[in-house]
């Protein structure tokens, strides 16, 4: 799991050369800008914290209630610092929290990066089909039909209040934009609109 965190740091430093170090601390080459590294690292920490908060809210738990479901009884203030992006959550601790919430750690991490609009071309995007179905923009009419068909084919829950989330590669999203006659520069706007509210229980 540590390799995953190091890979994230390695990828997201604006194309600059980065050497992953132990415990997720990135050391940059002499010609790199440490400030950029720190800012991106902190953005990721905050985004992960926000996803933890959304997932916990979706579970209907307070912070103390969540901790009661964890194997490690960490202080409530420590967990609060994770959610607020004040303190970096280690990979083992993140996995433990996600297990308590019954959500996938890679899915939660993927959503965090998606909201930051990082690594979309490699990681793809998570899309809530029901948000597409509810969108009334004329140019997305073919996409609405596709979303309806996916919901039926994959036997997603009949409860229209619950999300129906699919994971799409970025190349597929670009092809959909072409099919709908939508400029590629609009893609990120649509991704923002259709991103799930939170990581869902597995």
Protein backbone atom coordinates (compact mmCIF):
# COMPACT_ATOMS: atom_id res chain seq x y z
CA UNK A 1 0.00 0.00 0.00
CA UNK A 2 2.90 2.38 0.65
CA UNK A 3 3.81 2.10 -3.02
CA UNK A 4 0.38 3.48 -3.95
CA UNK A 5 0.90 6.59 -1.85
CA UNK A 6 4.40 7.11 -3.22
CA UNK A 7 3.09 6.72 -6.77
CA UNK A 8 0.45 9.38 -6.16
CA UNK A 9 3.08 11.82 -4.92
CA UNK A 10 5.33 10.94 -7.83
CA UNK A 11 2.63 11.66 -10.42
CA UNK A 12 1.20 14.90 -9.14
CA UNK A 13 4.01 17.39 -8.96
CA UNK A 14 3.24 19.29 -12.16
CA UNK A 15 5.49 17.10 -14.24
CA UNK A 16 8.54 17.81 -12.07
CA UNK A 17 10.96 15.05 -11.11
CA UNK A 18 10.19 13.64 -7.69
CA UNK A 19 11.87 10.85 -5.75
CA UNK A 20 9.46 9.05 -3.39
CA UNK A 21 10.83 8.60 0.10
CA UNK A 22 9.74 6.39 2.98
CA UNK A 23 6.51 7.34 4.80
CA UNK A 24 5.20 9.24 1.80
CA UNK A 25 7.58 12.19 2.15
CA UNK A 26 8.58 13.47 -1.28
CA UNK A 27 12.13 14.70 -1.86
CA UNK A 28 12.61 16.81 -4.99
CA UNK A 29 15.55 17.23 -7.31
CA UNK A 30 17.56 20.40 -6.86
CA UNK A 31 15.80 22.19 -9.73
CA UNK A 32 12.31 21.39 -8.43
CA UNK A 33 10.10 23.66 -6.44
CA UNK A 34 9.50 22.31 -2.93
CA UNK A 35 6.63 24.72 -2.45
CA UNK A 36 4.73 23.11 -5.32
CA UNK A 37 5.30 19.67 -3.80
CA UNK A 38 4.06 20.80 -0.40
CA UNK A 39 0.96 22.47 -1.83
CA UNK A 40 -0.05 19.42 -3.86
CA UNK A 41 0.65 17.06 -0.97
CA UNK A 42 -1.52 19.19 1.31
CA UNK A 43 -4.29 19.37 -1.26
CA UNK A 44 -4.37 15.57 -1.43
CA UNK A 45 -4.41 15.29 2.38
CA UNK A 46 -7.34 17.72 2.57
CA UNK A 47 -9.22 15.96 -0.23
CA UNK A 48 -8.86 12.57 1.47
CA UNK A 49 -10.09 14.10 4.72
CA UNK A 50 -13.12 15.54 2.96
CA UNK A 51 -13.94 12.13 1.47
CA UNK A 52 -13.68 10.53 4.89
CA UNK A 53 -16.10 13.11 6.23
CA UNK A 54 -18.58 12.48 3.38
CA UNK A 55 -18.40 8.71 3.84
CA UNK A 56 -18.93 9.00 7.59
CA UNK A 57 -21.88 11.33 7.10
CA UNK A 58 -23.36 8.88 4.60
CA UNK A 59 -23.06 6.14 7.23
CA UNK A 60 -24.92 8.38 9.67
CA UNK A 61 -22.21 8.15 12.33
CA UNK A 62 -20.62 10.73 14.56
CA UNK A 63 -16.85 10.64 14.88
CA UNK A 64 -16.96 8.79 18.24
CA UNK A 65 -19.39 6.26 16.73
CA UNK A 66 -17.04 5.60 13.83
CA UNK A 67 -14.09 5.05 16.16
CA UNK A 68 -16.11 2.47 18.09
CA UNK A 69 -16.29 0.43 14.87
CA UNK A 70 -12.51 0.58 14.36
CA UNK A 71 -10.05 -1.99 15.67
CA UNK A 72 -7.72 0.79 16.83
CA UNK A 73 -9.40 3.17 19.24
CA UNK A 74 -7.68 6.38 18.20
CA UNK A 75 -8.48 9.69 19.94
CA UNK A 76 -11.45 11.53 18.46
CA UNK A 77 -9.30 14.63 18.02
CA UNK A 78 -6.80 12.65 15.95
CA UNK A 79 -9.52 11.42 13.63
CA UNK A 80 -10.96 14.94 13.41
CA UNK A 81 -7.54 16.13 12.22
CA UNK A 82 -7.68 13.54 9.43
CA UNK A 83 -11.05 14.81 8.23
CA UNK A 84 -9.98 18.43 8.45
CA UNK A 85 -6.79 17.79 6.48
CA UNK A 86 -4.63 18.96 9.37
CA UNK A 87 -2.92 15.61 9.81
CA UNK A 88 -1.88 13.10 7.15
CA UNK A 89 -3.58 9.73 7.50
CA UNK A 90 -1.22 6.78 6.96
CA UNK A 91 -2.19 4.15 4.40
CA UNK A 92 -2.77 1.40 7.02
CA UNK A 93 -4.94 3.77 9.08
CA UNK A 94 -6.87 4.88 5.97
CA UNK A 95 -7.60 1.25 5.11
CA UNK A 96 -8.75 0.58 8.67
CA UNK A 97 -11.10 3.59 8.62
CA UNK A 98 -12.52 2.57 5.25
CA UNK A 99 -13.09 -0.97 6.52
CA UNK A 100 -15.05 0.43 9.45
CA UNK A 101 -17.10 2.54 7.04
CA UNK A 102 -17.45 -0.48 4.71
CA UNK A 103 -16.17 1.51 1.74
CA UNK A 104 -13.31 0.68 -0.62
CA UNK A 105 -10.11 2.55 0.20
CA UNK A 106 -9.08 2.76 -3.50
CA UNK A 107 -12.56 4.07 -4.35
CA UNK A 108 -12.38 6.75 -1.66
CA UNK A 109 -8.87 7.74 -2.75
CA UNK A 110 -9.97 7.80 -6.39
CA UNK A 111 -12.82 10.16 -5.60
CA UNK A 112 -10.46 12.45 -3.69
CA UNK A 113 -8.15 12.69 -6.72
CA UNK A 114 -11.12 13.11 -9.06
CA UNK A 115 -12.37 16.14 -7.13
CA UNK A 116 -8.86 17.59 -7.41
CA UNK A 117 -8.96 16.75 -11.14
CA UNK A 118 -5.70 14.83 -10.81
CA UNK A 119 -4.69 11.70 -12.68
CA UNK A 120 -7.97 11.41 -14.60
CA UNK A 121 -6.27 10.10 -17.72
CA UNK A 122 -4.73 7.22 -15.73
CA UNK A 123 -7.30 6.52 -13.04
CA UNK A 124 -10.50 7.26 -14.94
CA UNK A 125 -13.57 8.78 -13.33
CA UNK A 126 -16.48 7.67 -11.17
CA UNK A 127 -19.84 8.78 -12.50
CA UNK A 128 -23.28 8.64 -10.88
CA UNK A 129 -25.62 7.44 -13.63
CA UNK A 130 -28.66 8.88 -11.88
CA UNK A 131 -27.16 12.36 -12.05
CA UNK A 132 -26.88 11.94 -15.81
CA UNK A 133 -30.49 10.73 -16.07
CA UNK A 134 -31.68 13.75 -14.09
CA UNK A 135 -29.71 16.21 -16.25
CA UNK A 136 -32.01 17.94 -18.76
CA UNK A 137 -29.44 19.57 -21.05
CA UNK A 138 -30.35 18.88 -24.67
CA UNK A 139 -26.82 18.00 -25.77
CA UNK A 140 -26.74 15.15 -23.24
CA UNK A 141 -29.85 13.36 -24.51
CA UNK A 142 -27.82 10.42 -25.96
CA UNK A 143 -25.92 10.17 -22.69
CA UNK A 144 -29.16 10.01 -20.70
CA UNK A 145 -30.33 7.07 -22.79
CA UNK A 146 -27.00 5.33 -22.25
CA UNK A 147 -27.20 5.93 -18.48
CA UNK A 148 -30.75 4.54 -18.37
CA UNK A 149 -29.63 1.42 -20.22
CA UNK A 150 -26.64 0.93 -17.91
CA UNK A 151 -28.87 1.17 -14.86
CA UNK A 152 -31.18 -1.50 -16.28
CA UNK A 153 -28.43 -3.80 -17.54
CA UNK A 154 -26.41 -3.75 -14.34
CA UNK A 155 -29.47 -4.26 -12.17
CA UNK A 156 -28.72 -1.23 -10.05
CA UNK A 157 -31.07 -0.69 -7.15
CA UNK A 158 -34.59 0.35 -8.13
CA UNK A 159 -34.50 3.03 -5.45
CA UNK A 160 -34.11 6.20 -7.50
CA UNK A 161 -32.80 8.06 -4.45
CA UNK A 162 -29.68 5.88 -4.31
CA UNK A 163 -26.67 6.52 -6.58
CA UNK A 164 -25.79 4.15 -9.41
CA UNK A 165 -22.04 4.59 -9.77
CA UNK A 166 -19.84 3.32 -12.60
CA UNK A 167 -16.10 3.66 -13.17
CA UNK A 168 -15.11 4.83 -16.66
CA UNK A 169 -11.73 5.21 -18.26
CA UNK A 170 -10.98 8.76 -19.42
CA UNK A 171 -10.71 7.65 -23.05
CA UNK A 172 -14.31 6.39 -22.85
CA UNK A 173 -15.49 9.71 -21.42
CA UNK A 174 -13.80 11.55 -24.30
CA UNK A 175 -15.53 9.29 -26.82
CA UNK A 176 -18.86 10.02 -25.17
CA UNK A 177 -18.20 13.73 -25.51
CA UNK A 178 -17.49 13.23 -29.21
CA UNK A 179 -20.68 11.18 -29.62
CA UNK A 180 -22.74 13.92 -27.97
CA UNK A 181 -21.02 16.65 -29.98
CA UNK A 182 -19.67 18.25 -26.81
CA UNK A 183 -16.32 20.11 -26.92
CA UNK A 184 -13.58 18.31 -25.03
CA UNK A 185 -12.91 21.42 -22.93
CA UNK A 186 -16.36 20.93 -21.36
CA UNK A 187 -15.49 17.48 -20.11
CA UNK A 188 -14.33 18.53 -16.66
CA UNK A 189 -17.53 20.49 -16.09
CA UNK A 190 -19.56 17.36 -16.77
CA UNK A 191 -17.30 15.24 -14.59
CA UNK A 192 -17.83 17.70 -11.73
CA UNK A 193 -21.59 17.59 -12.23
CA UNK A 194 -21.81 13.78 -12.28
CA UNK A 195 -19.26 12.91 -9.57
CA UNK A 196 -20.81 10.79 -6.78
CA UNK A 197 -21.48 12.55 -3.49
CA UNK A 198 -19.29 10.11 -1.57
CA UNK A 199 -17.69 6.67 -1.61
CA UNK A 200 -20.43 4.09 -1.18
CA UNK A 201 -20.45 0.96 0.99
CA UNK A 202 -19.00 -1.99 -0.91
